[in-house]
Every structure is written in structure tokens, then in C-alpha cells.
Amino acid sequence: MISGQSVLTSGNRGGPRQPQVTVTQDYQACIPLTRILGEGDILLLLTPVVTPLEQNGCDPFEPFGRALATRHPWIRHVPYIAQNGITNTHTGFIRRAKAIIFIISGPPHPRQEPQVEIAEVARTVGDGKPHIIIACGNVHDCDLVDSDFSTIVQLTGYSPMDLRAAAAVLFGESTGTSASGVKVQELIMAPKHWPPEEWDGRDVSPVFDLWNNCLPDQFHLQKFPLQNLLQRDGYAMHFVVRLPDTREIIGFCATYTTFVDKAGERLIGSLAMIIVKSPYRRRGVGRSLYEHALGRLKRIRGVDRLKLGSTYPRLLSGIPAGFSSEDWFKRRGWPMDRLGPGRGQYICDWLLKIEDWPDGGFSIVPPGMVFRQATFDDFESVSKFIERETARKDYTGWYDQYMNLAHDGRLNDIVLGLDQSQIVAAALVYTTHDGSPLSLDLPWARTIGNDVGGVTCICIADEDGAMTSSKDTIMIRLLDACISVLRDQGMQRVYLDAIKGGDEGFQSMESKVSKNGLGTVSSGSKYDQCAVRLLSKCTTHES
């Protein structure tokens, strides 16, 4: 059952009913829309072609478009026909828009494509843009209960009165009260300071509930994996904000410190996560946690850099792409121009189906090259290679991951690429059920399924005169060797985390793999049947 806040808006008290607008969920934190819309930003309204409620023959959703336009002039209202779905015309508007409002007029018609499925196509085309579903009827009847849309608003119908009430709520102007008795004005009241407390970690349940209520389904975790990620003595420090009367946790902030390199003197402070319970957003809770956490990190001896997101343990690599929180951090001085390392570049997690990889792997290996699992005899050379390359490329925390496996006697979890007996590439493999410490630091493969193995910390030397093969060729052959190891362990899918380069990261791999004899590998974030599927995309930031 979807729970949320019902807002009874002011209307004609003498009429047959008052319009009721229910924000069932808003994981994107995009209501009111003034949080995400600036001057000139296009707000796209997609509405179904339906029979008019009145006899004038006009589009029944025109009053909604006009009501939105009085608050934000840059509205584009484009109807859709259920039989045709999302056309090229819609795609062009979606790509130009800053946010999309998609209207579902009611329950699915037996002879038409469900409007929920059309909404899913529109969201996919939007590629992470804020996407708001307006259901003109009960969310159960509209097939929205089991959907994973981040923001859903329920109306009692699509009369002009209902739609004008919805516009007022979307822009935070309603003066009514919610079903829980909380006044809407209090939900958007002026921010204040909330004194954060250090979280003792003894009871993870409130944080677990807050986590899964605040984040989209793709980032949900079970209680034990989340507890393991958070309870890291010595280099984890987390904070909460509580209501003064009930002591309920309404905000949480996770931070870590990680050694930058082997020397163990320099640290990077990670602001891994800030989450705030929906009714208390825009009231200063997040800002209070942010300022307190940054102050504490800066006072730790050895911390000379700060980043958003975390490396190991991995909560999220950065800010999920398309989240309105990116603008929030930008206003606080974090660079977002994507012009250099730590300035908002995309980093992605991918899922690859092993059955789409060629049986037996690649039969032809470039002359002079060998790809194999490491042995104890490789320990010293692996240590030197990883120390040199991770320092050169600024791969924070990677050296520790390699050495942890080596010291645990798990050198066969390290896959090497050697050119003329010299290590030129390395990667780590793991499964979720063999006791690897990597599966504890990287929980996301486990959330997908027990048949998923992981490949992480892919490190390839910069090309020089001593290398007989290109970096692209080495990357493909190294990945092939890792997949072969995981296939032998019974895995059917491979989770690749923190791959730099956004969607084009595997679009470029398509051409690389084709040259090596595999054919086409799609970067299909839209279709499950593709060999490689985009799971999540974040932006990375450092200061």
C-alpha cells in the first residue's frame, strides 16, 4: 500500500466535494517544483487524449496547463494518444524539458496500451530527469501500486477544480491541511538549525527505514548489508537529527575517511549520504547535517580532500544523476562543470549477461600477452603495479582492496594482464557467497541476485612504448578473463561498478568488442534483453 500525505485544498465549501490532492511519494524531492525549476526551464506536460467532461469539446487538461503557466510561464503541453504511445515528437520535447509531468487519466482500457507503460517509456527517454506522475483516480486502479516511479500524485478526478488544486500543491501554494493534520505551510516553512547528534549505531532500524523510504527502489538495501556498511569502527562517523519531543530520527548523514595511498598519511573525507524524511525537507535538516559533518571531517588530522559519495565501503559513488540535490550541492560551492576529475563527471554501474558473451571467451590473444589469475608468486609485482598506477590515476582506496585480498590469501581473486611478463592490467572479481570482503564493501551485486558476480577496481597501465597492445584491447581481454573466472564459479551475470564515462562508457565498448570478434554489445539502459544494461549513473565531486 502506498502511503503519503493528503492535502485538502481550499475550494467551494458549499459544493458537493472538495478536491483532494495526495502526494503518495516524492523520493525525488521535487515538490514544490520551485526546488528544481529556474527561469527558462521547460516543464513538459504530457496528457492523454480523452473524452471531455464538459460539452464544450475542449481538452479537459487545458485548465491544468493554464494553472501551471500562471506559476511558471515555460510550460509545454503535448497530448499523447494511447494507441500511438510516445512518438518522435514527444521525444523531442522530453529531451528539451527540465522536468516532465505525466497524466494518467484512469484505469487501463482493455483495448489500449496501459498509460503506465507509456509513462515508463517517457521516463526512459527522459534519462533521469524529474518525472512526476499525476493519477486522476485511485493509484490502485491506475496500476501504480507496484510501479517504481519516484513521484506520484493522486487526484480524485480531472475536473478543472481538481487540476487547479493539483497545480497549487505542485508549486507549494496550497493552504489546506494534510490527512495527518500537518499544515502544508509547515512543510515549506523557513529553514532553521537542527542540532545534529553523533549516531551510536546500536539500533539500525530507524536509519534502515529512513534509507528505504527516501531512496528509489534501485538503491534499497536489506537491513544487515546496510548495517555492515555503516558500522565501520575507526573510519566511519555518522550523524542524525531527531525531533526534540519524540526523538524520532528525521535526518541521517554518513561519512567515512579513507587513506589516499600506501603511505597512510593522507586521507580523503567522504560525505557519503544525506537523507531527510520527506515532511521535513527544505526546513534546514539537510543543511544542518551537511555543515556539521563537513566541519567534523575537516578537523580530522590528515584529511586534505573531500568528496561526495564514498569509495569503500560503497554506499553511492556520488550524486545519482538527475537528482535535484545536485543543484543543492552546486549552491554550496561543489564544482559541477564536468571539465575535470571530481567536477561532476558521470560514473556508472552496469550489468552484463554472461550468456551474451562468446562461449569459451576470445580464442585469439595478442602475441606476448597473457591473462590469468594471480598466484602467491605475483604478490610483490602486483603490490608495486597497483601502488604506482592507483597513485598516478588517483584511485582512492583501490590499493587497500587489492592488499586486503592478498593478505587474506585470496590472490586468485585478482585477475592480471601481462605483456611480455610485465603486469599491465589488473582487476578484482568476487561473488556474493564465497566470503570475499569485496562483497561486504560492495553490496549492490547481492541486491540483484545470487547469480551475479562482480568485477571491480579495473586498473590498466597508461600506454607506453613497452606495451605491444592498445589500452582498448587490453581492457576487453581483461574483462573476458574476469568473465571466464566468474562463469566457472556458476555466475550468470556480472556487475561492473564505478565505470567512468556515463552512457558512452559502454557505447565505446561496443566498437571495441566488435573489433575483437564479439559483435554488438548494446548499452541498453532501456531494454532488459540487451547484453549490457545501465543500472545507475552518478556524478562525482571533490573539493
Protein backbone atom coordinates (compact mmCIF):
# COMPACT_ATOMS: atom_id res chain seq x y z
CA MET A 1 0.00 0.00 0.00
CA ILE A 2 1.30 3.45 -0.91
CA SER A 3 1.27 5.87 1.97
CA GLY A 4 1.59 9.60 1.67
CA GLN A 5 0.26 13.00 2.60
CA SER A 6 -3.24 14.01 1.59
CA VAL A 7 -3.81 17.72 1.13
CA LEU A 8 -7.36 19.01 1.28
CA THR A 9 -7.19 22.16 -0.73
CA SER A 10 -9.38 25.18 -0.22
CA GLY A 11 -12.33 25.25 -2.56
CA ASN A 12 -16.08 25.76 -2.67
CA ARG A 13 -17.11 24.53 0.76
CA GLY A 14 -20.72 24.58 -0.27
CA GLY A 15 -20.19 22.30 -3.28
CA PRO A 16 -20.60 18.56 -3.46
CA ARG A 17 -16.97 17.86 -2.61
CA GLN A 18 -13.54 19.35 -2.14
CA PRO A 19 -10.72 18.28 -4.44
CA GLN A 20 -8.22 16.06 -2.63
CA VAL A 21 -4.60 16.00 -3.75
CA THR A 22 -2.46 13.23 -2.28
CA VAL A 23 1.31 13.20 -2.72
CA THR A 24 1.74 9.45 -2.26
CA GLN A 25 5.52 9.61 -2.65
CA ASP A 26 8.22 12.07 -3.68
CA TYR A 27 11.58 10.31 -3.50
CA GLN A 28 13.00 12.88 -5.95
CA ALA A 29 12.15 15.71 -3.53
CA CYS A 30 10.89 17.79 -6.46
CA ILE A 31 7.70 19.14 -4.85
CA PRO A 32 7.30 22.09 -4.72
CA LEU A 33 8.54 22.47 -8.28
CA THR A 34 10.30 25.70 -7.38
CA ARG A 35 13.04 23.43 -5.97
CA ILE A 36 14.03 22.24 -9.43
CA LEU A 37 12.77 24.85 -11.91
CA GLY A 38 14.56 28.05 -12.72
CA GLU A 39 13.84 30.85 -15.14
CA GLY A 40 13.57 29.50 -18.67
CA ASP A 41 13.44 25.83 -17.63
CA ILE A 42 10.84 23.96 -19.70
CA LEU A 43 8.21 21.99 -17.78
CA LEU A 44 6.63 19.43 -20.12
CA LEU A 45 3.03 18.36 -19.53
CA LEU A 46 2.06 15.08 -21.23
CA THR A 47 -1.69 14.42 -21.12
CA PRO A 48 -3.86 11.67 -22.66
CA VAL A 49 -6.44 12.37 -25.32
CA VAL A 50 -9.74 11.60 -23.54
CA THR A 51 -13.42 12.40 -23.86
CA PRO A 52 -14.10 15.92 -22.49
CA LEU A 53 -16.01 16.08 -19.23
CA GLU A 54 -17.91 19.14 -20.42
CA GLN A 55 -19.88 19.72 -23.64
CA ASN A 56 -17.59 22.45 -24.98
CA GLY A 57 -15.32 19.92 -26.70
CA CYS A 58 -12.14 21.39 -25.19
CA ASP A 59 -9.21 19.35 -23.94
CA PRO A 60 -10.08 18.70 -20.27
CA PHE A 61 -6.43 19.16 -19.27
CA GLU A 62 -6.13 22.69 -20.68
CA PRO A 63 -7.07 24.21 -17.28
CA PHE A 64 -4.15 22.34 -15.74
CA GLY A 65 -1.73 23.71 -18.32
CA ARG A 66 -3.03 27.24 -17.78
CA ALA A 67 -2.83 26.87 -13.99
CA LEU A 68 0.77 25.73 -14.23
CA ALA A 69 1.63 28.53 -16.68
CA THR A 70 0.45 31.21 -14.24
CA ARG A 71 3.19 29.98 -11.89
CA HIS A 72 5.87 29.03 -14.41
CA PRO A 73 5.47 30.51 -17.93
CA TRP A 74 7.67 27.94 -19.67
CA ILE A 75 5.05 25.17 -19.97
CA ARG A 76 4.83 22.89 -23.00
CA HIS A 77 1.55 20.96 -23.13
CA VAL A 78 1.70 17.98 -25.52
CA PRO A 79 -1.13 15.41 -25.62
CA TYR A 80 -0.49 11.72 -26.30
CA ILE A 81 -2.75 9.05 -27.81
CA ALA A 82 -2.75 5.69 -26.04
CA GLN A 83 -2.69 3.76 -29.32
CA ASN A 84 0.39 5.64 -30.56
CA GLY A 85 2.32 5.98 -27.30
CA ILE A 86 5.46 8.15 -27.21
CA THR A 87 6.30 9.38 -30.71
CA ASN A 88 9.32 11.20 -32.11
CA THR A 89 7.52 14.47 -31.44
CA HIS A 90 7.18 13.62 -27.74
CA THR A 91 10.83 12.53 -27.62
CA GLY A 92 12.00 15.91 -28.87
CA PHE A 93 10.00 17.75 -26.21
CA ILE A 94 11.15 15.37 -23.45
CA ARG A 95 14.80 15.91 -24.29
CA ARG A 96 14.41 19.69 -24.14
CA ALA A 97 12.50 19.70 -20.86
CA LYS A 98 13.91 20.14 -17.36
CA ALA A 99 11.10 18.08 -15.82
CA ILE A 100 8.08 16.09 -17.03
CA ILE A 101 4.54 15.84 -15.64
CA PHE A 102 2.75 12.77 -16.99
CA ILE A 103 -1.03 12.50 -16.58
CA ILE A 104 -2.73 9.09 -16.19
CA SER A 105 -6.45 9.66 -16.64
CA GLY A 106 -7.70 6.47 -15.01
CA PRO A 107 -7.70 2.66 -15.05
CA PRO A 108 -6.27 0.91 -18.13
CA HIS A 109 -8.62 0.27 -21.05
CA PRO A 110 -8.68 -3.36 -22.22
CA ARG A 111 -8.09 -2.46 -25.88
CA GLN A 112 -5.37 0.16 -25.33
CA GLU A 113 -1.77 0.18 -24.17
CA PRO A 114 -1.78 0.97 -20.44
CA GLN A 115 -0.90 4.59 -19.75
CA VAL A 116 1.51 3.38 -17.04
CA GLU A 117 3.60 1.65 -19.71
CA ILE A 118 3.61 4.80 -21.85
CA ALA A 119 4.76 6.73 -18.77
CA GLU A 120 7.63 4.27 -18.32
CA VAL A 121 8.74 4.88 -21.91
CA ALA A 122 8.61 8.64 -21.35
CA ARG A 123 10.69 8.27 -18.19
CA THR A 124 13.28 6.16 -20.04
CA VAL A 125 13.56 8.77 -22.80
CA GLY A 126 13.98 11.42 -20.08
CA ASP A 127 17.11 9.64 -18.83
CA GLY A 128 16.97 10.63 -15.18
CA LYS A 129 15.03 13.91 -15.47
CA PRO A 130 12.47 14.56 -12.71
CA HIS A 131 9.32 12.68 -13.71
CA ILE A 132 6.03 13.35 -11.89
CA ILE A 133 3.04 11.06 -12.31
CA ILE A 134 -0.43 12.59 -11.81
CA ALA A 135 -3.04 9.86 -11.34
CA CYS A 136 -6.59 11.11 -11.88
CA GLY A 137 -8.06 8.40 -9.73
CA ASN A 138 -7.02 5.82 -7.17
CA VAL A 139 -3.40 4.69 -7.62
CA HIS A 140 -4.51 1.08 -7.14
CA ASP A 141 -6.96 1.31 -10.05
CA CYS A 142 -4.33 3.04 -12.20
CA ASP A 143 -1.85 0.12 -11.72
CA LEU A 144 0.64 2.35 -9.91
CA VAL A 145 0.98 0.44 -6.64
CA ASP A 146 3.75 -1.83 -7.90
CA SER A 147 5.41 0.80 -10.09
CA ASP A 148 8.76 2.36 -9.26
CA PHE A 149 8.02 5.97 -10.18
CA SER A 150 9.72 8.30 -7.71
CA THR A 151 6.97 10.94 -7.51
CA ILE A 152 3.26 10.11 -7.67
CA VAL A 153 0.35 12.50 -7.01
CA GLN A 154 -3.21 11.21 -6.73
CA LEU A 155 -6.30 13.29 -7.61
CA THR A 156 -9.98 12.47 -7.25
CA GLY A 157 -10.58 13.19 -10.94
CA TYR A 158 -9.62 15.58 -13.71
CA SER A 159 -12.24 18.27 -13.39
CA PRO A 160 -10.91 21.86 -13.68
CA MET A 161 -11.25 22.16 -9.90
CA ASP A 162 -9.14 19.02 -9.33
CA LEU A 163 -6.46 20.16 -11.75
CA ARG A 164 -6.19 23.70 -10.38
CA ALA A 165 -5.85 22.25 -6.88
CA ALA A 166 -3.07 19.97 -8.11
CA ALA A 167 -1.18 22.92 -9.64
CA ALA A 168 -1.35 24.76 -6.32
CA VAL A 169 0.08 21.77 -4.45
CA LEU A 170 2.81 21.17 -7.03
CA PHE A 171 4.04 24.72 -6.50
CA GLY A 172 3.65 24.63 -2.71
CA GLU A 173 0.83 27.17 -2.59
CA SER A 174 -1.93 25.10 -1.00
CA THR A 175 -3.26 26.45 2.27
CA GLY A 176 -5.11 23.30 3.28
CA THR A 177 -4.13 20.63 5.76
CA SER A 178 -2.85 17.12 5.21
CA ALA A 179 -4.62 13.97 6.28
CA SER A 180 -2.12 13.67 9.14
CA GLY A 181 -3.00 17.15 10.41
CA VAL A 182 0.29 18.73 9.31
CA LYS A 183 -0.29 22.10 7.66
CA VAL A 184 1.18 22.41 4.22
CA GLN A 185 2.70 25.76 5.19
CA GLU A 186 4.74 23.96 7.86
CA LEU A 187 6.16 21.59 5.27
CA ILE A 188 7.71 24.52 3.41
CA MET A 189 8.44 26.82 6.33
CA ALA A 190 11.67 28.80 6.56
CA PRO A 191 14.73 26.62 7.34
CA LYS A 192 16.23 26.63 10.82
CA HIS A 193 19.19 25.00 12.53
CA TRP A 194 18.70 21.49 13.88
CA PRO A 195 21.45 20.29 16.25
CA PRO A 196 22.93 17.04 14.86
CA GLU A 197 23.99 14.22 17.15
CA GLU A 198 26.58 11.53 16.56
CA TRP A 199 24.82 8.26 15.79
CA ASP A 200 25.81 5.44 18.15
CA GLY A 201 24.93 2.72 15.64
CA ARG A 202 23.23 0.48 18.19
CA ASP A 203 19.82 0.42 16.52
CA VAL A 204 19.98 0.46 12.73
CA SER A 205 16.21 0.02 12.25
CA PRO A 206 15.24 3.75 12.15
CA VAL A 207 18.05 4.50 9.70
CA PHE A 208 17.13 1.44 7.63
CA ASP A 209 13.52 2.63 7.40
CA LEU A 210 14.60 6.17 6.53
CA TRP A 211 17.00 4.88 3.85
CA ASN A 212 14.41 2.80 2.01
CA ASN A 213 11.70 5.47 2.34
CA CYS A 214 13.90 8.25 0.95
CA LEU A 215 15.66 6.47 -1.92
CA PRO A 216 14.30 4.94 -5.16
CA ASP A 217 13.87 1.16 -5.29
CA GLN A 218 17.13 0.61 -7.17
CA PHE A 219 19.05 1.83 -4.09
CA HIS A 220 17.13 -0.15 -1.47
CA LEU A 221 19.11 -2.43 0.84
CA GLN A 222 18.27 -5.11 3.36
CA LYS A 223 18.98 -4.37 6.99
CA PHE A 224 22.12 -6.49 7.53
CA PRO A 225 24.04 -5.25 4.46
CA LEU A 226 23.22 -1.64 5.39
CA GLN A 227 24.29 -2.25 8.98
CA ASN A 228 27.57 -3.74 7.77
CA LEU A 229 28.23 -0.73 5.55
CA LEU A 230 27.57 1.76 8.32
CA GLN A 231 29.24 0.10 11.32
CA ARG A 232 32.92 0.51 10.43
CA ASP A 233 34.87 1.25 13.60
CA GLY A 234 37.74 3.67 13.20
CA TYR A 235 36.87 5.34 9.92
CA ALA A 236 33.09 5.76 9.90
CA MET A 237 31.36 8.69 11.59
CA HIS A 238 27.62 9.23 11.16
CA PHE A 239 25.17 11.86 12.40
CA VAL A 240 21.42 12.13 12.95
CA VAL A 241 18.84 14.83 13.55
CA ARG A 242 16.00 13.92 15.90
CA LEU A 243 12.69 15.53 16.74
CA PRO A 244 13.13 17.08 20.17
CA ASP A 245 9.91 15.69 21.63
CA THR A 246 9.67 12.13 20.25
CA ARG A 247 13.40 11.53 19.48
CA GLU A 248 12.36 10.23 16.05
CA ILE A 249 15.23 10.29 13.53
CA ILE A 250 14.24 12.60 10.65
CA GLY A 251 17.68 13.08 9.08
CA PHE A 252 20.81 10.97 8.65
CA CYS A 253 24.31 11.69 7.34
CA ALA A 254 27.02 9.07 6.71
CA THR A 255 30.71 9.97 6.46
CA TYR A 256 33.94 7.99 6.07
CA THR A 257 37.65 8.63 5.93
CA THR A 258 39.84 6.62 3.54
CA PHE A 259 43.60 6.52 3.04
CA VAL A 260 44.58 8.09 -0.27
CA ASP A 261 47.63 5.88 -0.88
CA LYS A 262 50.01 3.30 0.59
CA ALA A 263 51.82 5.82 2.76
CA GLY A 264 48.80 6.03 5.06
CA GLU A 265 49.30 9.70 5.92
CA ARG A 266 46.82 11.48 3.66
CA LEU A 267 43.08 10.94 4.00
CA ILE A 268 40.06 11.77 1.89
CA GLY A 269 36.86 12.61 3.76
CA SER A 270 33.71 11.20 2.16
CA LEU A 271 30.31 12.79 2.64
CA ALA A 272 28.64 9.54 1.65
CA MET A 273 24.95 10.23 2.16
CA ILE A 274 22.47 12.80 3.47
CA ILE A 275 18.82 11.72 3.67
CA VAL A 276 15.92 13.60 5.23
CA LYS A 277 12.39 12.39 5.91
CA SER A 278 10.06 13.86 3.29
CA PRO A 279 7.86 16.13 5.50
CA TYR A 280 10.96 17.82 6.96
CA ARG A 281 12.79 18.66 3.74
CA ARG A 282 13.54 22.32 2.98
CA ARG A 283 13.44 23.03 6.70
CA GLY A 284 17.18 23.12 7.34
CA VAL A 285 17.68 19.50 8.42
CA GLY A 286 19.93 18.58 5.49
CA ARG A 287 21.90 21.82 5.73
CA SER A 288 22.45 21.31 9.47
CA LEU A 289 23.76 17.79 8.88
CA TYR A 290 25.91 18.94 5.95
CA GLU A 291 27.62 21.79 7.78
CA HIS A 292 28.18 19.72 10.93
CA ALA A 293 29.60 16.74 9.03
CA LEU A 294 31.94 18.86 6.90
CA GLY A 295 33.21 20.65 9.99
CA ARG A 296 33.97 17.34 11.70
CA LEU A 297 35.74 15.89 8.64
CA LYS A 298 37.92 18.97 8.19
CA ARG A 299 39.12 18.69 11.79
CA ILE A 300 40.45 15.14 11.31
CA ARG A 301 44.21 15.11 11.05
CA GLY A 302 45.38 14.12 7.57
CA VAL A 303 42.17 14.94 5.69
CA ASP A 304 43.22 17.13 2.78
CA ARG A 305 40.36 16.42 0.35
CA LEU A 306 36.61 15.99 0.50
CA LYS A 307 34.28 14.10 -1.83
CA LEU A 308 30.58 13.45 -2.27
CA GLY A 309 29.74 9.75 -2.20
CA SER A 310 32.06 7.02 -0.98
CA THR A 311 34.62 4.61 -2.38
CA TYR A 312 34.89 1.71 0.09
CA PRO A 313 32.58 0.81 1.64
CA ARG A 314 30.33 1.85 -1.23
CA LEU A 315 27.03 3.49 -0.45
CA LEU A 316 26.76 5.51 -3.67
CA SER A 317 29.60 6.60 -5.94
CA GLY A 318 28.27 10.16 -5.99
CA ILE A 319 25.05 12.06 -6.54
CA PRO A 320 22.55 9.98 -8.58
CA ALA A 321 22.19 11.64 -11.96
CA GLY A 322 19.04 13.68 -12.33
CA PHE A 323 18.51 14.18 -8.60
CA SER A 324 17.64 17.75 -7.64
CA SER A 325 20.25 17.51 -4.88
CA GLU A 326 22.95 18.23 -7.49
CA ASP A 327 21.76 21.85 -7.64
CA TRP A 328 21.69 21.90 -3.82
CA PHE A 329 25.37 20.99 -3.64
CA LYS A 330 26.25 23.32 -6.51
CA ARG A 331 24.88 26.24 -4.49
CA ARG A 332 27.32 25.22 -1.74
CA GLY A 333 30.36 25.51 -3.94
CA TRP A 334 30.84 21.99 -5.32
CA PRO A 335 32.08 22.13 -8.94
CA MET A 336 29.59 20.76 -11.47
CA ASP A 337 31.02 21.78 -14.86
CA ARG A 338 32.31 18.25 -15.73
CA LEU A 339 35.55 19.75 -17.05
CA GLY A 340 37.96 17.69 -14.93
CA PRO A 341 38.29 14.99 -12.27
CA GLY A 342 35.90 15.48 -9.36
CA ARG A 343 33.86 18.14 -11.16
CA GLY A 344 30.67 16.20 -11.87
CA GLN A 345 31.76 13.57 -14.39
CA TYR A 346 29.45 10.62 -14.81
CA ILE A 347 30.27 7.26 -13.28
CA CYS A 348 28.05 4.25 -13.96
CA ASP A 349 27.24 0.76 -12.74
CA TRP A 350 26.47 -1.85 -15.42
CA LEU A 351 25.04 -5.36 -15.52
CA LEU A 352 26.31 -7.78 -18.17
CA LYS A 353 24.74 -11.12 -19.13
CA ILE A 354 27.39 -13.82 -19.38
CA GLU A 355 25.28 -15.78 -21.89
CA ASP A 356 25.74 -12.89 -24.32
CA TRP A 357 29.50 -13.20 -24.06
CA PRO A 358 31.05 -15.61 -26.61
CA ASP A 359 31.26 -19.24 -25.44
CA GLY A 360 34.80 -20.02 -24.39
CA GLY A 361 35.81 -16.39 -24.48
CA PHE A 362 38.20 -15.00 -27.09
CA SER A 363 40.35 -17.67 -28.67
CA ILE A 364 42.97 -15.32 -30.03
CA VAL A 365 45.19 -13.44 -27.57
CA PRO A 366 47.60 -10.79 -28.85
CA PRO A 367 51.17 -12.11 -29.16
CA GLY A 368 53.18 -11.66 -25.98
CA MET A 369 50.12 -11.19 -23.78
CA VAL A 370 48.77 -13.48 -21.05
CA PHE A 371 45.62 -13.07 -18.95
CA ARG A 372 45.32 -15.21 -15.81
CA GLN A 373 44.53 -15.27 -12.10
CA ALA A 374 47.30 -14.15 -9.77
CA THR A 375 49.33 -16.52 -7.61
CA PHE A 376 51.38 -16.05 -4.45
CA ASP A 377 54.47 -15.56 -6.62
CA ASP A 378 52.83 -12.42 -8.05
CA PHE A 379 52.35 -10.68 -4.70
CA GLU A 380 55.29 -8.27 -4.87
CA SER A 381 54.80 -7.31 -8.52
CA VAL A 382 51.05 -6.82 -8.01
CA SER A 383 51.73 -4.60 -4.99
CA LYS A 384 54.15 -2.41 -6.94
CA PHE A 385 51.89 -2.17 -10.01
CA ILE A 386 48.78 -1.21 -8.02
CA GLU A 387 50.68 1.25 -5.83
CA ARG A 388 52.10 3.00 -8.89
CA GLU A 389 49.00 3.07 -11.07
CA THR A 390 46.45 3.96 -8.40
CA ALA A 391 48.63 6.84 -7.23
CA ARG A 392 49.06 8.02 -10.80
CA LYS A 393 45.34 7.84 -11.56
CA ASP A 394 44.18 8.91 -8.09
CA TYR A 395 42.11 5.76 -7.47
CA THR A 396 41.43 6.31 -3.80
CA GLY A 397 41.05 3.14 -1.73
CA TRP A 398 41.93 0.71 -4.51
CA TYR A 399 45.35 -0.22 -3.13
CA ASP A 400 43.74 -1.32 0.14
CA GLN A 401 41.23 -3.52 -1.70
CA TYR A 402 43.99 -5.37 -3.56
CA MET A 403 46.12 -5.79 -0.48
CA ASN A 404 43.20 -6.96 1.66
CA LEU A 405 42.59 -9.82 -0.78
CA ALA A 406 46.30 -10.64 -0.94
CA HIS A 407 46.71 -10.69 2.83
CA ASP A 408 43.62 -12.92 3.13
CA GLY A 409 45.24 -15.41 0.78
CA ARG A 410 42.73 -14.65 -1.99
CA LEU A 411 45.23 -13.82 -4.72
CA ASN A 412 43.22 -15.88 -7.22
CA ASP A 413 40.53 -13.18 -6.93
CA ILE A 414 42.99 -10.87 -8.70
CA VAL A 415 42.99 -11.21 -12.50
CA LEU A 416 46.10 -9.99 -14.29
CA GLY A 417 47.03 -8.96 -17.80
CA LEU A 418 50.72 -9.38 -18.61
CA ASP A 419 52.56 -8.03 -21.64
CA GLN A 420 55.97 -9.65 -22.12
CA SER A 421 55.71 -10.93 -18.49
CA GLN A 422 55.12 -7.40 -17.20
CA ILE A 423 51.83 -6.59 -15.44
CA VAL A 424 49.91 -4.01 -17.48
CA ALA A 425 46.39 -4.59 -16.15
CA ALA A 426 44.56 -5.95 -13.12
CA ALA A 427 41.00 -6.34 -11.83
CA LEU A 428 39.25 -7.89 -8.86
CA VAL A 429 36.46 -10.48 -9.06
CA TYR A 430 34.07 -11.65 -6.36
CA THR A 431 30.81 -13.45 -5.77
CA THR A 432 28.23 -12.75 -3.10
CA HIS A 433 28.50 -16.14 -1.36
CA ASP A 434 32.20 -17.05 -1.17
CA GLY A 435 33.16 -14.89 1.82
CA SER A 436 35.01 -12.26 -0.19
CA PRO A 437 35.45 -8.99 1.74
CA LEU A 438 34.62 -7.21 -1.52
CA SER A 439 31.00 -8.40 -1.34
CA LEU A 440 30.69 -6.67 2.05
CA ASP A 441 32.12 -3.38 0.77
CA LEU A 442 30.10 -3.53 -2.48
CA PRO A 443 26.55 -4.64 -1.58
CA TRP A 444 24.82 -3.96 -4.88
CA ALA A 445 25.55 -7.26 -6.68
CA ARG A 446 23.80 -9.10 -3.85
CA THR A 447 20.69 -6.96 -4.24
CA ILE A 448 20.36 -8.04 -7.90
CA GLY A 449 20.58 -11.82 -7.37
CA ASN A 450 22.65 -14.78 -6.21
CA ASP A 451 23.75 -15.48 -9.78
CA VAL A 452 25.59 -12.14 -10.01
CA GLY A 453 29.36 -11.88 -9.66
CA GLY A 454 31.30 -8.65 -9.58
CA VAL A 455 34.27 -7.08 -11.35
CA THR A 456 35.78 -4.01 -9.72
CA CYS A 457 38.94 -1.91 -9.45
CA ILE A 458 39.83 -2.32 -13.14
CA CYS A 459 43.31 -0.84 -13.44
CA ILE A 460 45.12 -0.57 -16.78
CA ALA A 461 48.55 0.99 -17.22
CA ASP A 462 48.88 4.03 -19.40
CA GLU A 463 50.10 3.15 -22.87
CA ASP A 464 53.83 3.46 -23.44
CA GLY A 465 56.43 2.17 -25.85
CA ALA A 466 56.87 -1.08 -23.93
CA MET A 467 53.25 -2.17 -24.45
CA THR A 468 52.57 -4.25 -27.56
CA SER A 469 48.76 -3.88 -27.44
CA SER A 470 46.45 -0.91 -27.17
CA LYS A 471 44.70 0.02 -23.93
CA ASP A 472 41.33 -0.76 -25.53
CA THR A 473 42.41 -4.26 -26.49
CA ILE A 474 43.78 -4.93 -23.02
CA MET A 475 40.53 -3.75 -21.44
CA ILE A 476 38.43 -6.18 -23.49
CA ARG A 477 40.77 -9.13 -22.90
CA LEU A 478 40.96 -8.41 -19.18
CA LEU A 479 37.18 -8.30 -18.94
CA ASP A 480 36.99 -11.54 -20.90
CA ALA A 481 39.34 -13.21 -18.39
CA CYS A 482 37.26 -11.96 -15.44
CA ILE A 483 34.05 -13.22 -17.01
CA SER A 484 35.65 -16.61 -17.59
CA VAL A 485 36.54 -16.87 -13.88
CA LEU A 486 33.02 -15.93 -12.81
CA ARG A 487 31.42 -18.26 -15.37
CA ASP A 488 33.44 -21.15 -13.93
CA GLN A 489 32.02 -20.28 -10.50
CA GLY A 490 28.45 -20.63 -11.77
CA MET A 491 27.66 -16.94 -12.22
CA GLN A 492 25.24 -15.90 -14.97
CA ARG A 493 25.56 -12.12 -14.74
CA VAL A 494 28.38 -9.69 -14.00
CA TYR A 495 28.08 -6.42 -12.07
CA LEU A 496 30.61 -3.78 -13.13
CA ASP A 497 30.77 -0.86 -10.72
CA ALA A 498 32.01 2.70 -10.96
CA ILE A 499 32.84 2.73 -14.68
CA LYS A 500 33.76 6.25 -15.73
CA GLY A 501 32.19 7.93 -18.70
CA GLY A 502 28.39 7.89 -18.49
CA ASP A 503 26.32 6.07 -21.13
CA GLU A 504 29.11 6.37 -23.65
CA GLY A 505 31.30 4.17 -21.44
CA PHE A 506 29.78 1.06 -22.99
CA GLN A 507 28.81 2.65 -26.24
CA SER A 508 32.55 2.92 -26.84
CA MET A 509 32.94 -0.68 -25.65
CA GLU A 510 30.54 -1.73 -28.40
CA SER A 511 33.03 -0.79 -31.06
CA LYS A 512 35.94 -2.22 -29.08
CA VAL A 513 34.26 -5.58 -28.62
CA SER A 514 33.15 -5.71 -32.25
CA LYS A 515 36.74 -5.33 -33.39
CA ASN A 516 37.66 -8.28 -31.19
CA GLY A 517 35.06 -10.58 -32.69
CA LEU A 518 32.06 -10.40 -30.35
CA GLY A 519 29.67 -8.40 -32.50
CA THR A 520 27.39 -5.80 -30.97
CA VAL A 521 27.06 -5.17 -27.26
CA SER A 522 24.34 -2.67 -26.52
CA SER A 523 24.49 -0.07 -23.77
CA GLY A 524 20.76 -0.71 -23.40
CA SER A 525 19.60 1.07 -20.29
CA LYS A 526 16.12 0.82 -21.88
CA TYR A 527 15.82 -2.89 -22.67
CA ASP A 528 16.42 -5.80 -20.34
CA GLN A 529 17.25 -8.21 -23.14
CA CYS A 530 20.44 -6.34 -24.07
CA ALA A 531 23.82 -7.76 -23.16
CA VAL A 532 24.85 -4.77 -21.06
CA ARG A 533 22.33 -2.78 -19.03
CA LEU A 534 22.83 0.52 -17.23
CA LEU A 535 21.90 0.14 -13.56
CA SER A 536 22.73 3.55 -12.12
CA LYS A 537 24.52 6.75 -13.04
CA CYS A 538 26.08 9.17 -10.56
CA THR A 539 28.14 12.32 -10.75
CA THR A 540 31.40 12.54 -8.80
CA HIS A 541 32.56 15.64 -6.94
CA GLU A 542 35.64 16.59 -4.89
CA SER A 543 36.93 19.75 -3.27
